[in-house]
Amino acid sequence: MLETKQLGNKGEEAVVTWLQRDGFDILSRNYQTRLGEVDVIAAKDEYIVFVEVKTRNTQYFPISQTVTYGKQQRIIKAARNFILVKQLRDKVFRFDVATVIFNNNEHTIEYIPNAFWAR
């Protein structure tokens, strides 16, 4: 279990670095409420981006498919809480998914903007 957690942390760190290089400011990491969690929350221009990060050592199928409808709903609930607490009503919100595949010490990031929407 610890190895899986360490891999996940390594993937999140890679995505944070990637976002920062793309001009995003990181607002929060592992934002948790009793209703859900968001791995990374970032801001750029008028956007607030809620990012779910999925990390694996191998890829047998697109790992973005592991962000199920139920998981999406938990992320959306946590995001709504963040928006309310931080009073961010004047921003544009987006839900993205980042997948990280590690192969030895190298990694590949696939970033999917607007991966799902809040209804």
C-alpha atoms as a PDB file:
ATOM      1  CA  MET A   1       0.000   0.000   0.000  1.00  0.00           C
ATOM      2  CA  LEU A   2       2.795   2.423   0.891  1.00  0.00           C
ATOM      3  CA  GLU A   3       4.411   1.827  -2.499  1.00  0.00           C
ATOM      4  CA  THR A   4       1.133   2.758  -4.230  1.00  0.00           C
ATOM      5  CA  LYS A   5       0.844   5.936  -2.127  1.00  0.00           C
ATOM      6  CA  GLN A   6       4.450   6.881  -2.924  1.00  0.00           C
ATOM      7  CA  LEU A   7       3.807   6.350  -6.642  1.00  0.00           C
ATOM      8  CA  GLY A   8       0.692   8.530  -6.418  1.00  0.00           C
ATOM      9  CA  ASN A   9       2.617  11.284  -4.652  1.00  0.00           C
ATOM     10  CA  LYS A  10       5.333  11.093  -7.300  1.00  0.00           C
ATOM     11  CA  GLY A  11       2.685  11.437 -10.033  1.00  0.00           C
ATOM     12  CA  GLU A  12       1.041  14.400  -8.313  1.00  0.00           C
ATOM     13  CA  GLU A  13       4.418  16.110  -7.965  1.00  0.00           C
ATOM     14  CA  ALA A  14       5.082  15.600 -11.699  1.00  0.00           C
ATOM     15  CA  VAL A  15       1.699  17.124 -12.579  1.00  0.00           C
ATOM     16  CA  VAL A  16       2.233  20.090 -10.229  1.00  0.00           C
ATOM     17  CA  THR A  17       5.591  20.775 -11.888  1.00  0.00           C
ATOM     18  CA  TRP A  18       3.991  20.477 -15.341  1.00  0.00           C
ATOM     19  CA  LEU A  19       1.179  22.897 -14.370  1.00  0.00           C
ATOM     20  CA  GLN A  20       3.622  25.424 -12.918  1.00  0.00           C
ATOM     21  CA  ARG A  21       5.709  25.321 -16.097  1.00  0.00           C
ATOM     22  CA  ASP A  22       2.500  26.059 -18.012  1.00  0.00           C
ATOM     23  CA  GLY A  23       1.914  29.184 -15.909  1.00  0.00           C
ATOM     24  CA  PHE A  24      -0.513  27.858 -13.297  1.00  0.00           C
ATOM     25  CA  ASP A  25      -0.387  28.847  -9.637  1.00  0.00           C
ATOM     26  CA  ILE A  26      -1.053  25.937  -7.287  1.00  0.00           C
ATOM     27  CA  LEU A  27      -3.810  26.866  -4.828  1.00  0.00           C
ATOM     28  CA  SER A  28      -4.111  23.546  -3.015  1.00  0.00           C
ATOM     29  CA  ARG A  29      -2.993  19.933  -3.040  1.00  0.00           C
ATOM     30  CA  ASN A  30      -5.075  17.067  -1.683  1.00  0.00           C
ATOM     31  CA  TYR A  31      -7.978  19.329  -0.732  1.00  0.00           C
ATOM     32  CA  GLN A  32     -10.261  17.169   1.409  1.00  0.00           C
ATOM     33  CA  THR A  33     -13.787  17.494   2.687  1.00  0.00           C
ATOM     34  CA  ARG A  34     -16.038  14.839   4.149  1.00  0.00           C
ATOM     35  CA  LEU A  35     -17.724  14.675   0.726  1.00  0.00           C
ATOM     36  CA  GLY A  36     -14.661  14.228  -1.471  1.00  0.00           C
ATOM     37  CA  GLU A  37     -11.109  15.164  -2.384  1.00  0.00           C
ATOM     38  CA  VAL A  38      -9.363  17.057  -5.175  1.00  0.00           C
ATOM     39  CA  ASP A  39      -5.749  16.122  -5.899  1.00  0.00           C
ATOM     40  CA  VAL A  40      -4.611  19.506  -7.259  1.00  0.00           C
ATOM     41  CA  ILE A  41      -6.338  22.877  -7.514  1.00  0.00           C
ATOM     42  CA  ALA A  42      -4.620  25.416  -9.757  1.00  0.00           C
ATOM     43  CA  ALA A  43      -5.319  28.881 -11.163  1.00  0.00           C
ATOM     44  CA  LYS A  44      -4.360  30.627 -14.377  1.00  0.00           C
ATOM     45  CA  ASP A  45      -5.947  33.787 -15.721  1.00  0.00           C
ATOM     46  CA  GLU A  46      -9.700  33.499 -15.114  1.00  0.00           C
ATOM     47  CA  TYR A  47      -9.600  29.704 -14.636  1.00  0.00           C
ATOM     48  CA  ILE A  48      -9.688  27.623 -11.497  1.00  0.00           C
ATOM     49  CA  VAL A  49      -8.804  24.051 -12.447  1.00  0.00           C
ATOM     50  CA  PHE A  50      -9.632  20.988 -10.331  1.00  0.00           C
ATOM     51  CA  VAL A  51      -7.291  18.177 -11.370  1.00  0.00           C
ATOM     52  CA  GLU A  52      -7.655  14.464 -10.677  1.00  0.00           C
ATOM     53  CA  VAL A  53      -4.277  12.742 -11.007  1.00  0.00           C
ATOM     54  CA  LYS A  54      -3.997   9.037 -11.855  1.00  0.00           C
ATOM     55  CA  THR A  55      -0.567   7.418 -11.754  1.00  0.00           C
ATOM     56  CA  ARG A  56       0.537   3.936 -12.831  1.00  0.00           C
ATOM     57  CA  ASN A  57       3.706   1.998 -13.599  1.00  0.00           C
ATOM     58  CA  THR A  58       2.131   0.330 -16.623  1.00  0.00           C
ATOM     59  CA  GLN A  59      -0.776   1.063 -18.899  1.00  0.00           C
ATOM     60  CA  TYR A  60      -3.017  -1.775 -20.022  1.00  0.00           C
ATOM     61  CA  PHE A  61      -5.931   0.545 -20.814  1.00  0.00           C
ATOM     62  CA  PRO A  62      -6.432   4.320 -20.671  1.00  0.00           C
ATOM     63  CA  ILE A  63      -6.167   5.045 -16.955  1.00  0.00           C
ATOM     64  CA  SER A  64      -8.324   8.139 -17.358  1.00  0.00           C
ATOM     65  CA  GLN A  65     -11.203   5.618 -17.562  1.00  0.00           C
ATOM     66  CA  THR A  66     -10.702   4.933 -13.857  1.00  0.00           C
ATOM     67  CA  VAL A  67     -12.235   8.327 -13.036  1.00  0.00           C
ATOM     68  CA  THR A  68     -15.732   6.914 -12.666  1.00  0.00           C
ATOM     69  CA  TYR A  69     -18.973   8.869 -12.458  1.00  0.00           C
ATOM     70  CA  GLY A  70     -18.997   8.356  -8.676  1.00  0.00           C
ATOM     71  CA  LYS A  71     -15.441   9.683  -8.383  1.00  0.00           C
ATOM     72  CA  GLN A  72     -16.374  12.665 -10.547  1.00  0.00           C
ATOM     73  CA  GLN A  73     -19.285  13.474  -8.230  1.00  0.00           C
ATOM     74  CA  ARG A  74     -17.025  13.396  -5.150  1.00  0.00           C
ATOM     75  CA  ILE A  75     -14.534  15.719  -6.869  1.00  0.00           C
ATOM     76  CA  ILE A  76     -17.347  18.090  -7.850  1.00  0.00           C
ATOM     77  CA  LYS A  77     -18.663  18.194  -4.268  1.00  0.00           C
ATOM     78  CA  ALA A  78     -15.201  18.978  -2.896  1.00  0.00           C
ATOM     79  CA  ALA A  79     -14.725  21.632  -5.607  1.00  0.00           C
ATOM     80  CA  ARG A  80     -18.032  23.289  -4.694  1.00  0.00           C
ATOM     81  CA  ASN A  81     -16.885  23.414  -1.085  1.00  0.00           C
ATOM     82  CA  PHE A  82     -13.574  25.005  -2.123  1.00  0.00           C
ATOM     83  CA  ILE A  83     -15.378  27.596  -4.261  1.00  0.00           C
ATOM     84  CA  LEU A  84     -17.718  28.464  -1.392  1.00  0.00           C
ATOM     85  CA  VAL A  85     -15.005  28.651   1.274  1.00  0.00           C
ATOM     86  CA  LYS A  86     -12.645  30.725  -0.905  1.00  0.00           C
ATOM     87  CA  GLN A  87     -15.490  32.854  -2.360  1.00  0.00           C
ATOM     88  CA  LEU A  88     -14.407  32.330  -5.969  1.00  0.00           C
ATOM     89  CA  ARG A  89     -17.700  32.902  -7.761  1.00  0.00           C
ATOM     90  CA  ASP A  90     -16.208  35.232 -10.412  1.00  0.00           C
ATOM     91  CA  LYS A  91     -13.945  32.552 -11.944  1.00  0.00           C
ATOM     92  CA  VAL A  92     -14.363  29.939 -14.663  1.00  0.00           C
ATOM     93  CA  PHE A  93     -14.146  26.400 -13.284  1.00  0.00           C
ATOM     94  CA  ARG A  94     -12.837  23.343 -15.075  1.00  0.00           C
ATOM     95  CA  PHE A  95     -12.388  19.670 -14.194  1.00  0.00           C
ATOM     96  CA  ASP A  96      -9.294  18.083 -15.715  1.00  0.00           C
ATOM     97  CA  VAL A  97      -7.682  14.665 -15.500  1.00  0.00           C
ATOM     98  CA  ALA A  98      -3.934  14.095 -15.643  1.00  0.00           C
ATOM     99  CA  THR A  99      -2.546  10.607 -16.137  1.00  0.00           C
ATOM    100  CA  VAL A 100       1.062   9.833 -15.337  1.00  0.00           C
ATOM    101  CA  ILE A 101       2.795   6.665 -16.515  1.00  0.00           C
ATOM    102  CA  PHE A 102       6.196   5.911 -14.970  1.00  0.00           C
ATOM    103  CA  ASN A 103       8.682   3.732 -16.796  1.00  0.00           C
ATOM    104  CA  ASN A 104      11.860   3.405 -14.727  1.00  0.00           C
ATOM    105  CA  ASN A 105      12.793   6.982 -13.771  1.00  0.00           C
ATOM    106  CA  GLU A 106      11.017   8.606 -16.712  1.00  0.00           C
ATOM    107  CA  HIS A 107       7.372   9.547 -16.943  1.00  0.00           C
ATOM    108  CA  THR A 108       4.772  10.560 -19.481  1.00  0.00           C
ATOM    109  CA  ILE A 109       1.906  12.918 -18.660  1.00  0.00           C
ATOM    110  CA  GLU A 110      -1.344  12.937 -20.597  1.00  0.00           C
ATOM    111  CA  TYR A 111      -3.387  15.993 -19.639  1.00  0.00           C
ATOM    112  CA  ILE A 112      -7.106  16.078 -20.428  1.00  0.00           C
ATOM    113  CA  PRO A 113      -8.698  19.513 -19.975  1.00  0.00           C
ATOM    114  CA  ASN A 114     -12.473  19.572 -19.468  1.00  0.00           C
ATOM    115  CA  ALA A 115     -12.461  15.820 -18.820  1.00  0.00           C
ATOM    116  CA  PHE A 116     -15.886  16.093 -17.165  1.00  0.00           C
ATOM    117  CA  TRP A 117     -18.412  18.746 -16.164  1.00  0.00           C
ATOM    118  CA  ALA A 118     -20.476  19.627 -13.131  1.00  0.00           C
ATOM    119  CA  ARG A 119     -24.180  19.577 -13.870  1.00  0.00           C
END
